[in-house]
Amino acid sequence: MRLAHVRLYSPSQDQLHARLRTVPGDEDRLRGLVLRLRSGDEVALVAPPLPNGYDAVLMAVAPHRPAARVIEAFLWILTIQ
């Protein structure tokens, strides 16, 4: 389930972007990162293979808590970096 769009910047400016890895076997060369948040939620950040600023998609696998709560937990990790 798509939860939100996340703006990413170049790897030197954005720690999440620097951790994205190519999704094996994906013909579109998507890059992704799977995270288990302190809340216990598991999310994936999926992005196209562009080098500069672009939008990624934050996704969660059902079942999960209400989308707003998962997004809140994800945003919390961004504030501690």
C-alpha atoms as a PDB file:
ATOM      1  CA  MET A   1       0.000   0.000   0.000  1.00  0.00           C
ATOM      2  CA  ARG A   2       1.343   3.425  -0.928  1.00  0.00           C
ATOM      3  CA  LEU A   3       1.537   5.722   2.065  1.00  0.00           C
ATOM      4  CA  ALA A   4       3.323   8.870   0.895  1.00  0.00           C
ATOM      5  CA  HIS A   5       5.706  10.478  -1.558  1.00  0.00           C
ATOM      6  CA  VAL A   6       9.104  11.336  -0.083  1.00  0.00           C
ATOM      7  CA  ARG A   7      11.404  13.963  -1.605  1.00  0.00           C
ATOM      8  CA  LEU A   8      14.996  12.698  -1.825  1.00  0.00           C
ATOM      9  CA  TYR A   9      18.147  14.606  -2.701  1.00  0.00           C
ATOM     10  CA  SER A  10      21.612  13.562  -3.838  1.00  0.00           C
ATOM     11  CA  PRO A  11      23.337  10.840  -1.759  1.00  0.00           C
ATOM     12  CA  SER A  12      25.760  13.374  -0.310  1.00  0.00           C
ATOM     13  CA  GLN A  13      22.812  15.378   1.098  1.00  0.00           C
ATOM     14  CA  ASP A  14      20.383  12.602   2.015  1.00  0.00           C
ATOM     15  CA  GLN A  15      21.260   9.580   4.166  1.00  0.00           C
ATOM     16  CA  LEU A  16      18.191   7.628   3.013  1.00  0.00           C
ATOM     17  CA  HIS A  17      19.122   8.126  -0.653  1.00  0.00           C
ATOM     18  CA  ALA A  18      22.660   6.937   0.077  1.00  0.00           C
ATOM     19  CA  ARG A  19      21.242   3.656   1.484  1.00  0.00           C
ATOM     20  CA  LEU A  20      18.990   2.816  -1.489  1.00  0.00           C
ATOM     21  CA  ARG A  21      20.012  -0.368  -3.331  1.00  0.00           C
ATOM     22  CA  THR A  22      19.014  -1.698  -6.732  1.00  0.00           C
ATOM     23  CA  VAL A  23      16.011  -4.032  -6.539  1.00  0.00           C
ATOM     24  CA  PRO A  24      17.259  -7.405  -7.865  1.00  0.00           C
ATOM     25  CA  GLY A  25      15.662  -8.452 -11.137  1.00  0.00           C
ATOM     26  CA  ASP A  26      13.706  -5.227 -11.639  1.00  0.00           C
ATOM     27  CA  GLU A  27      13.771  -4.207 -15.302  1.00  0.00           C
ATOM     28  CA  ASP A  28      13.043  -0.547 -14.416  1.00  0.00           C
ATOM     29  CA  ARG A  29      16.184  -0.409 -12.252  1.00  0.00           C
ATOM     30  CA  LEU A  30      14.203   0.737  -9.216  1.00  0.00           C
ATOM     31  CA  ARG A  31      16.120   1.308  -6.005  1.00  0.00           C
ATOM     32  CA  GLY A  32      14.742   0.477  -2.589  1.00  0.00           C
ATOM     33  CA  LEU A  33      15.293   0.309   1.124  1.00  0.00           C
ATOM     34  CA  VAL A  34      13.326  -1.796   3.620  1.00  0.00           C
ATOM     35  CA  LEU A  35      13.079  -0.367   7.119  1.00  0.00           C
ATOM     36  CA  ARG A  36      11.702  -1.689  10.388  1.00  0.00           C
ATOM     37  CA  LEU A  37      10.729   1.358  12.396  1.00  0.00           C
ATOM     38  CA  ARG A  38      10.928   1.592  16.187  1.00  0.00           C
ATOM     39  CA  SER A  39       7.139   1.418  16.155  1.00  0.00           C
ATOM     40  CA  GLY A  40       7.437  -2.103  14.720  1.00  0.00           C
ATOM     41  CA  ASP A  41       6.082  -1.046  11.340  1.00  0.00           C
ATOM     42  CA  GLU A  42       7.892  -2.360   8.266  1.00  0.00           C
ATOM     43  CA  VAL A  43       8.045  -0.014   5.310  1.00  0.00           C
ATOM     44  CA  ALA A  44       9.832   0.164   1.988  1.00  0.00           C
ATOM     45  CA  LEU A  45      11.137   3.297   0.339  1.00  0.00           C
ATOM     46  CA  VAL A  46      11.149   2.757  -3.444  1.00  0.00           C
ATOM     47  CA  ALA A  47      12.633   5.209  -5.942  1.00  0.00           C
ATOM     48  CA  PRO A  48      13.464   5.465  -9.655  1.00  0.00           C
ATOM     49  CA  PRO A  49      17.142   5.415 -10.687  1.00  0.00           C
ATOM     50  CA  LEU A  50      17.563   9.182 -11.055  1.00  0.00           C
ATOM     51  CA  PRO A  51      20.757  10.830  -9.776  1.00  0.00           C
ATOM     52  CA  ASN A  52      19.384  14.092  -8.323  1.00  0.00           C
ATOM     53  CA  GLY A  53      16.333  15.297  -6.417  1.00  0.00           C
ATOM     54  CA  TYR A  54      13.202  13.230  -7.036  1.00  0.00           C
ATOM     55  CA  ASP A  55      10.243  11.635  -5.326  1.00  0.00           C
ATOM     56  CA  ALA A  56      10.339   8.177  -3.809  1.00  0.00           C
ATOM     57  CA  VAL A  57       7.299   6.245  -2.591  1.00  0.00           C
ATOM     58  CA  LEU A  58       6.878   5.063   0.992  1.00  0.00           C
ATOM     59  CA  MET A  59       5.010   1.748   1.085  1.00  0.00           C
ATOM     60  CA  ALA A  60       3.771  -0.615   3.780  1.00  0.00           C
ATOM     61  CA  VAL A  61       2.637  -4.217   3.630  1.00  0.00           C
ATOM     62  CA  ALA A  62      -0.735  -5.090   5.115  1.00  0.00           C
ATOM     63  CA  PRO A  63      -1.624  -5.536   7.846  1.00  0.00           C
ATOM     64  CA  HIS A  64      -0.296  -2.311   9.267  1.00  0.00           C
ATOM     65  CA  ARG A  65      -1.403   0.442  11.597  1.00  0.00           C
ATOM     66  CA  PRO A  66      -3.361   3.367  10.169  1.00  0.00           C
ATOM     67  CA  ALA A  67      -1.367   5.118   7.432  1.00  0.00           C
ATOM     68  CA  ALA A  68      -1.058   8.377   9.383  1.00  0.00           C
ATOM     69  CA  ARG A  69       0.562   6.550  12.334  1.00  0.00           C
ATOM     70  CA  VAL A  70       3.049   4.731  10.082  1.00  0.00           C
ATOM     71  CA  ILE A  71       3.973   7.988   8.334  1.00  0.00           C
ATOM     72  CA  GLU A  72       4.437   9.654  11.720  1.00  0.00           C
ATOM     73  CA  ALA A  73       6.823   6.860  12.804  1.00  0.00           C
ATOM     74  CA  PHE A  74       8.758   7.215   9.528  1.00  0.00           C
ATOM     75  CA  LEU A  75       9.044  10.984   9.922  1.00  0.00           C
ATOM     76  CA  TRP A  76      10.414  10.483  13.434  1.00  0.00           C
ATOM     77  CA  ILE A  77      13.468   8.654  12.055  1.00  0.00           C
ATOM     78  CA  LEU A  78      14.128  11.597   9.723  1.00  0.00           C
ATOM     79  CA  THR A  79      14.261  14.009  12.647  1.00  0.00           C
ATOM     80  CA  ILE A  80      16.950  12.048  14.523  1.00  0.00           C
ATOM     81  CA  GLN A  81      19.439  12.023  11.644  1.00  0.00           C
END
